[in-house]
Amino acid sequence: MRIIARRTLREFIASRAGHKDQPALKAALDAWFAEESRADWISTVDVKQLYATASIVSADRIVFNIKGNDYRLVVAVDFEKGIVWIKWVGTHKDYDRIDVKEVEHGN
């Protein structure tokens, strides 16, 4: 899968500078990115096979639990084109304040 945009993950990691879990967060997001870069999903079924705890919100919107569910990553997926768009990343607490179906990068 082609992931747009890794910069979003890097910026979020940088924003957590000084937090004791930043190294673990970076490792978790780097691992997710590496796995998704190699993935060849055809449908949400493929996603659930690799990530049983992922939440399928709609046909193209998926939420991943990151670092033991301390963080959430919201993506949109175009299975036909093989593209994953990172829409939002944040703490579980911040996730509770967003509309996962509508959130876009930068919100």
N, C-alpha and C. Protein backbone atom coordinates (compact mmCIF):
# COMPACT_ATOMS: atom_id res chain seq x y z
N MET A 1 0.85 -1.18 0.00
CA MET A 1 0.00 0.00 0.00
C MET A 1 0.90 1.24 0.00
N ARG A 2 0.43 2.24 -0.68
CA ARG A 2 1.12 3.53 -0.67
C ARG A 2 0.48 4.38 0.43
N ILE A 3 1.30 4.93 1.30
CA ILE A 3 0.79 5.68 2.45
C ILE A 3 1.08 7.16 2.27
N ILE A 4 0.03 7.96 2.44
CA ILE A 4 0.13 9.41 2.33
C ILE A 4 -0.35 9.99 3.65
N ALA A 5 0.37 10.67 4.38
CA ALA A 5 1.75 11.08 4.23
C ALA A 5 2.48 10.74 5.53
N ARG A 6 3.64 10.17 5.36
CA ARG A 6 4.45 9.79 6.52
C ARG A 6 4.79 11.00 7.38
N ARG A 7 4.87 12.15 6.74
CA ARG A 7 5.19 13.39 7.47
C ARG A 7 4.22 13.60 8.65
N THR A 8 2.96 13.23 8.46
CA THR A 8 1.96 13.38 9.52
C THR A 8 2.39 12.60 10.76
N LEU A 9 2.90 11.40 10.56
CA LEU A 9 3.36 10.58 11.68
C LEU A 9 4.59 11.20 12.33
N ARG A 10 5.53 11.65 11.50
CA ARG A 10 6.75 12.28 12.03
C ARG A 10 6.43 13.52 12.85
N GLU A 11 5.52 14.34 12.34
CA GLU A 11 5.15 15.56 13.06
C GLU A 11 4.47 15.24 14.39
N PHE A 12 3.64 14.21 14.40
CA PHE A 12 2.99 13.84 15.65
C PHE A 12 4.01 13.33 16.66
N ILE A 13 4.94 12.50 16.22
CA ILE A 13 6.00 12.00 17.10
C ILE A 13 6.79 13.18 17.66
N ALA A 14 7.15 14.13 16.81
CA ALA A 14 7.91 15.30 17.25
C ALA A 14 7.11 16.11 18.27
N SER A 15 5.80 16.17 18.10
CA SER A 15 4.96 16.94 19.03
C SER A 15 4.92 16.30 20.42
N ARG A 16 5.29 15.05 20.51
CA ARG A 16 5.29 14.33 21.79
C ARG A 16 6.67 14.37 22.46
N ALA A 17 7.58 15.20 21.95
CA ALA A 17 8.92 15.32 22.52
C ALA A 17 8.80 15.64 24.01
N GLY A 18 9.59 14.95 24.79
CA GLY A 18 9.58 15.17 26.22
C GLY A 18 8.65 14.22 26.97
N HIS A 19 7.74 13.56 26.28
CA HIS A 19 6.88 12.57 26.91
C HIS A 19 7.66 11.27 27.05
N LYS A 20 7.51 10.61 28.17
CA LYS A 20 8.31 9.42 28.43
C LYS A 20 8.02 8.29 27.45
N ASP A 21 6.86 8.29 26.82
CA ASP A 21 6.54 7.20 25.90
C ASP A 21 6.86 7.53 24.44
N GLN A 22 7.49 8.67 24.18
CA GLN A 22 7.78 9.04 22.80
C GLN A 22 8.59 7.98 22.04
N PRO A 23 9.65 7.41 22.64
CA PRO A 23 10.39 6.38 21.90
C PRO A 23 9.52 5.16 21.55
N ALA A 24 8.66 4.75 22.46
CA ALA A 24 7.78 3.61 22.20
C ALA A 24 6.73 3.97 21.15
N LEU A 25 6.23 5.19 21.19
CA LEU A 25 5.28 5.66 20.19
C LEU A 25 5.93 5.66 18.81
N LYS A 26 7.15 6.18 18.73
CA LYS A 26 7.86 6.21 17.45
C LYS A 26 8.05 4.80 16.92
N ALA A 27 8.45 3.88 17.77
CA ALA A 27 8.66 2.49 17.35
C ALA A 27 7.35 1.88 16.85
N ALA A 28 6.26 2.15 17.54
CA ALA A 28 4.96 1.59 17.15
C ALA A 28 4.50 2.15 15.81
N LEU A 29 4.63 3.46 15.61
CA LEU A 29 4.20 4.06 14.34
C LEU A 29 5.13 3.65 13.19
N ASP A 30 6.42 3.54 13.47
CA ASP A 30 7.35 3.07 12.43
C ASP A 30 7.02 1.64 12.02
N ALA A 31 6.68 0.80 13.00
CA ALA A 31 6.31 -0.60 12.70
C ALA A 31 5.03 -0.65 11.88
N TRP A 32 4.04 0.17 12.26
CA TRP A 32 2.79 0.21 11.49
C TRP A 32 3.08 0.63 10.06
N PHE A 33 3.86 1.69 9.89
CA PHE A 33 4.19 2.19 8.55
C PHE A 33 4.88 1.10 7.72
N ALA A 34 5.84 0.42 8.31
CA ALA A 34 6.57 -0.62 7.58
C ALA A 34 5.64 -1.76 7.16
N GLU A 35 4.74 -2.17 8.05
CA GLU A 35 3.80 -3.25 7.73
C GLU A 35 2.85 -2.83 6.61
N GLU A 36 2.34 -1.62 6.70
CA GLU A 36 1.38 -1.15 5.69
C GLU A 36 2.05 -0.94 4.34
N SER A 37 3.29 -0.53 4.35
CA SER A 37 4.01 -0.34 3.09
C SER A 37 4.15 -1.65 2.32
N ARG A 38 4.21 -2.76 3.04
CA ARG A 38 4.34 -4.08 2.42
C ARG A 38 2.98 -4.73 2.15
N ALA A 39 1.93 -4.20 2.75
CA ALA A 39 0.60 -4.82 2.63
C ALA A 39 0.04 -4.66 1.22
N ASP A 40 -0.82 -5.59 0.87
CA ASP A 40 -1.52 -5.55 -0.41
C ASP A 40 -2.99 -5.88 -0.15
N TRP A 41 -3.66 -4.96 0.51
CA TRP A 41 -5.05 -5.18 0.89
C TRP A 41 -5.98 -5.09 -0.31
N ILE A 42 -6.98 -5.93 -0.29
CA ILE A 42 -8.03 -5.87 -1.31
C ILE A 42 -9.34 -5.38 -0.68
N SER A 43 -9.48 -5.64 0.63
CA SER A 43 -10.70 -5.23 1.33
C SER A 43 -10.43 -5.11 2.83
N THR A 44 -11.46 -4.70 3.54
CA THR A 44 -11.33 -4.58 5.00
C THR A 44 -11.09 -5.94 5.65
N VAL A 45 -11.48 -7.00 5.00
CA VAL A 45 -11.23 -8.35 5.52
C VAL A 45 -9.73 -8.57 5.67
N ASP A 46 -8.96 -8.12 4.69
CA ASP A 46 -7.50 -8.23 4.75
C ASP A 46 -6.94 -7.45 5.93
N VAL A 47 -7.49 -6.28 6.17
CA VAL A 47 -7.05 -5.45 7.29
C VAL A 47 -7.29 -6.18 8.61
N LYS A 48 -8.49 -6.72 8.78
CA LYS A 48 -8.83 -7.40 10.03
C LYS A 48 -7.99 -8.66 10.25
N GLN A 49 -7.55 -9.30 9.17
CA GLN A 49 -6.69 -10.48 9.33
C GLN A 49 -5.35 -10.10 9.93
N LEU A 50 -4.83 -8.92 9.56
CA LEU A 50 -3.55 -8.47 10.09
C LEU A 50 -3.71 -7.73 11.41
N TYR A 51 -4.80 -6.98 11.54
CA TYR A 51 -5.04 -6.16 12.73
C TYR A 51 -6.44 -6.47 13.28
N ALA A 52 -6.51 -7.46 14.13
CA ALA A 52 -7.81 -7.87 14.68
C ALA A 52 -8.48 -6.76 15.48
N THR A 53 -7.70 -5.86 16.06
CA THR A 53 -8.28 -4.80 16.89
C THR A 53 -8.61 -3.53 16.10
N ALA A 54 -8.33 -3.53 14.80
CA ALA A 54 -8.68 -2.35 13.99
C ALA A 54 -10.19 -2.22 13.95
N SER A 55 -10.66 -0.97 13.94
CA SER A 55 -12.10 -0.70 13.86
C SER A 55 -12.42 -0.26 12.44
N ILE A 56 -13.30 -1.00 11.79
CA ILE A 56 -13.75 -0.65 10.45
C ILE A 56 -14.95 0.27 10.63
N VAL A 57 -14.75 1.55 10.36
CA VAL A 57 -15.79 2.56 10.57
C VAL A 57 -16.73 2.62 9.38
N SER A 58 -16.17 2.51 8.18
CA SER A 58 -16.95 2.51 6.95
C SER A 58 -16.16 1.72 5.91
N ALA A 59 -16.67 1.69 4.70
CA ALA A 59 -15.99 0.92 3.65
C ALA A 59 -14.56 1.39 3.41
N ASP A 60 -14.29 2.66 3.74
CA ASP A 60 -12.94 3.16 3.49
C ASP A 60 -12.27 3.79 4.70
N ARG A 61 -12.94 3.87 5.84
CA ARG A 61 -12.37 4.53 7.03
C ARG A 61 -12.07 3.49 8.09
N ILE A 62 -10.80 3.48 8.54
CA ILE A 62 -10.34 2.49 9.51
C ILE A 62 -9.59 3.18 10.64
N VAL A 63 -9.75 2.67 11.84
CA VAL A 63 -9.05 3.18 13.03
C VAL A 63 -8.15 2.07 13.57
N PHE A 64 -6.87 2.40 13.73
CA PHE A 64 -5.90 1.46 14.29
C PHE A 64 -5.55 1.87 15.72
N ASN A 65 -5.40 0.88 16.57
CA ASN A 65 -4.90 1.10 17.92
C ASN A 65 -3.39 1.05 17.85
N ILE A 66 -2.76 2.06 18.43
CA ILE A 66 -1.30 2.17 18.38
C ILE A 66 -0.76 2.16 19.81
N LYS A 67 0.33 1.47 19.99
CA LYS A 67 1.01 1.38 21.29
C LYS A 67 0.05 0.95 22.40
N GLY A 68 -0.49 -0.23 22.23
CA GLY A 68 -1.36 -0.77 23.27
C GLY A 68 -2.62 0.03 23.49
N ASN A 69 -3.12 0.66 22.44
CA ASN A 69 -4.34 1.45 22.48
C ASN A 69 -4.19 2.78 23.20
N ASP A 70 -2.95 3.21 23.46
CA ASP A 70 -2.73 4.54 24.03
C ASP A 70 -3.00 5.62 22.99
N TYR A 71 -2.82 5.27 21.72
CA TYR A 71 -2.99 6.21 20.62
C TYR A 71 -3.90 5.59 19.57
N ARG A 72 -4.48 6.47 18.77
CA ARG A 72 -5.34 6.02 17.67
C ARG A 72 -4.85 6.65 16.37
N LEU A 73 -4.98 5.90 15.30
CA LEU A 73 -4.59 6.35 13.97
C LEU A 73 -5.79 6.13 13.05
N VAL A 74 -6.27 7.21 12.45
CA VAL A 74 -7.42 7.14 11.56
C VAL A 74 -6.92 7.28 10.12
N VAL A 75 -7.33 6.35 9.29
CA VAL A 75 -6.92 6.39 7.88
C VAL A 75 -8.14 6.20 6.98
N ALA A 76 -7.98 6.67 5.75
CA ALA A 76 -8.93 6.37 4.68
C ALA A 76 -8.19 5.50 3.69
N VAL A 77 -8.88 4.52 3.14
CA VAL A 77 -8.23 3.57 2.25
C VAL A 77 -8.98 3.50 0.92
N ASP A 78 -8.22 3.55 -0.15
CA ASP A 78 -8.76 3.26 -1.48
C ASP A 78 -8.14 1.92 -1.88
N PHE A 79 -8.89 0.85 -1.67
CA PHE A 79 -8.37 -0.49 -1.91
C PHE A 79 -8.03 -0.70 -3.39
N GLU A 80 -8.85 -0.15 -4.27
CA GLU A 80 -8.63 -0.32 -5.70
C GLU A 80 -7.31 0.29 -6.16
N LYS A 81 -6.98 1.46 -5.62
CA LYS A 81 -5.74 2.15 -6.01
C LYS A 81 -4.56 1.78 -5.11
N GLY A 82 -4.83 1.12 -3.99
CA GLY A 82 -3.75 0.73 -3.08
C GLY A 82 -3.16 1.90 -2.31
N ILE A 83 -4.03 2.84 -1.91
CA ILE A 83 -3.56 4.04 -1.21
C ILE A 83 -4.21 4.14 0.18
N VAL A 84 -3.39 4.50 1.15
CA VAL A 84 -3.84 4.76 2.52
C VAL A 84 -3.53 6.22 2.83
N TRP A 85 -4.56 6.99 3.17
CA TRP A 85 -4.37 8.39 3.56
C TRP A 85 -4.49 8.49 5.07
N ILE A 86 -3.45 9.02 5.70
CA ILE A 86 -3.51 9.25 7.14
C ILE A 86 -4.35 10.49 7.36
N LYS A 87 -5.44 10.32 8.11
CA LYS A 87 -6.37 11.41 8.36
C LYS A 87 -6.16 12.06 9.72
N TRP A 88 -5.76 11.25 10.70
CA TRP A 88 -5.62 11.79 12.05
C TRP A 88 -4.82 10.80 12.89
N VAL A 89 -4.01 11.35 13.79
CA VAL A 89 -3.31 10.53 14.78
C VAL A 89 -3.31 11.33 16.08
N GLY A 90 -3.56 10.64 17.18
CA GLY A 90 -3.60 11.32 18.47
C GLY A 90 -3.78 10.34 19.61
N THR A 91 -3.89 10.91 20.79
CA THR A 91 -4.09 10.08 21.98
C THR A 91 -5.49 9.51 21.97
N HIS A 92 -5.67 8.45 22.73
CA HIS A 92 -7.00 7.85 22.86
C HIS A 92 -7.98 8.88 23.42
N LYS A 93 -7.52 9.67 24.37
CA LYS A 93 -8.37 10.71 24.97
C LYS A 93 -8.81 11.73 23.93
N ASP A 94 -7.88 12.19 23.08
CA ASP A 94 -8.23 13.14 22.02
C ASP A 94 -9.15 12.51 20.99
N TYR A 95 -8.98 11.23 20.74
CA TYR A 95 -9.82 10.51 19.78
C TYR A 95 -11.29 10.60 20.17
N ASP A 96 -11.55 10.56 21.46
CA ASP A 96 -12.93 10.62 21.94
C ASP A 96 -13.61 11.95 21.61
N ARG A 97 -12.84 12.96 21.22
CA ARG A 97 -13.37 14.29 20.93
C ARG A 97 -13.59 14.55 19.44
N ILE A 98 -13.25 13.60 18.58
CA ILE A 98 -13.36 13.82 17.14
C ILE A 98 -14.50 13.01 16.55
N ASP A 99 -14.94 13.42 15.38
CA ASP A 99 -15.88 12.63 14.59
C ASP A 99 -15.04 11.82 13.61
N VAL A 100 -14.87 10.57 13.89
CA VAL A 100 -13.95 9.73 13.13
C VAL A 100 -14.36 9.63 11.65
N LYS A 101 -15.62 9.78 11.36
CA LYS A 101 -16.09 9.68 9.97
C LYS A 101 -15.78 10.94 9.17
N GLU A 102 -15.55 12.05 9.86
CA GLU A 102 -15.37 13.33 9.17
C GLU A 102 -13.98 13.93 9.30
N VAL A 103 -13.21 13.47 10.28
CA VAL A 103 -11.91 14.09 10.55
C VAL A 103 -11.01 14.01 9.33
N GLU A 104 -10.29 15.09 9.08
CA GLU A 104 -9.34 15.17 7.98
C GLU A 104 -8.01 15.64 8.53
N HIS A 105 -6.94 15.33 7.84
CA HIS A 105 -5.61 15.78 8.26
C HIS A 105 -5.64 17.27 8.51
N GLY A 106 -5.09 17.66 9.63
CA GLY A 106 -5.04 19.08 9.98
C GLY A 106 -6.16 19.50 10.91
N ASN A 107 -7.15 18.63 11.13
CA ASN A 107 -8.25 18.97 12.06
C ASN A 107 -7.88 18.62 13.47
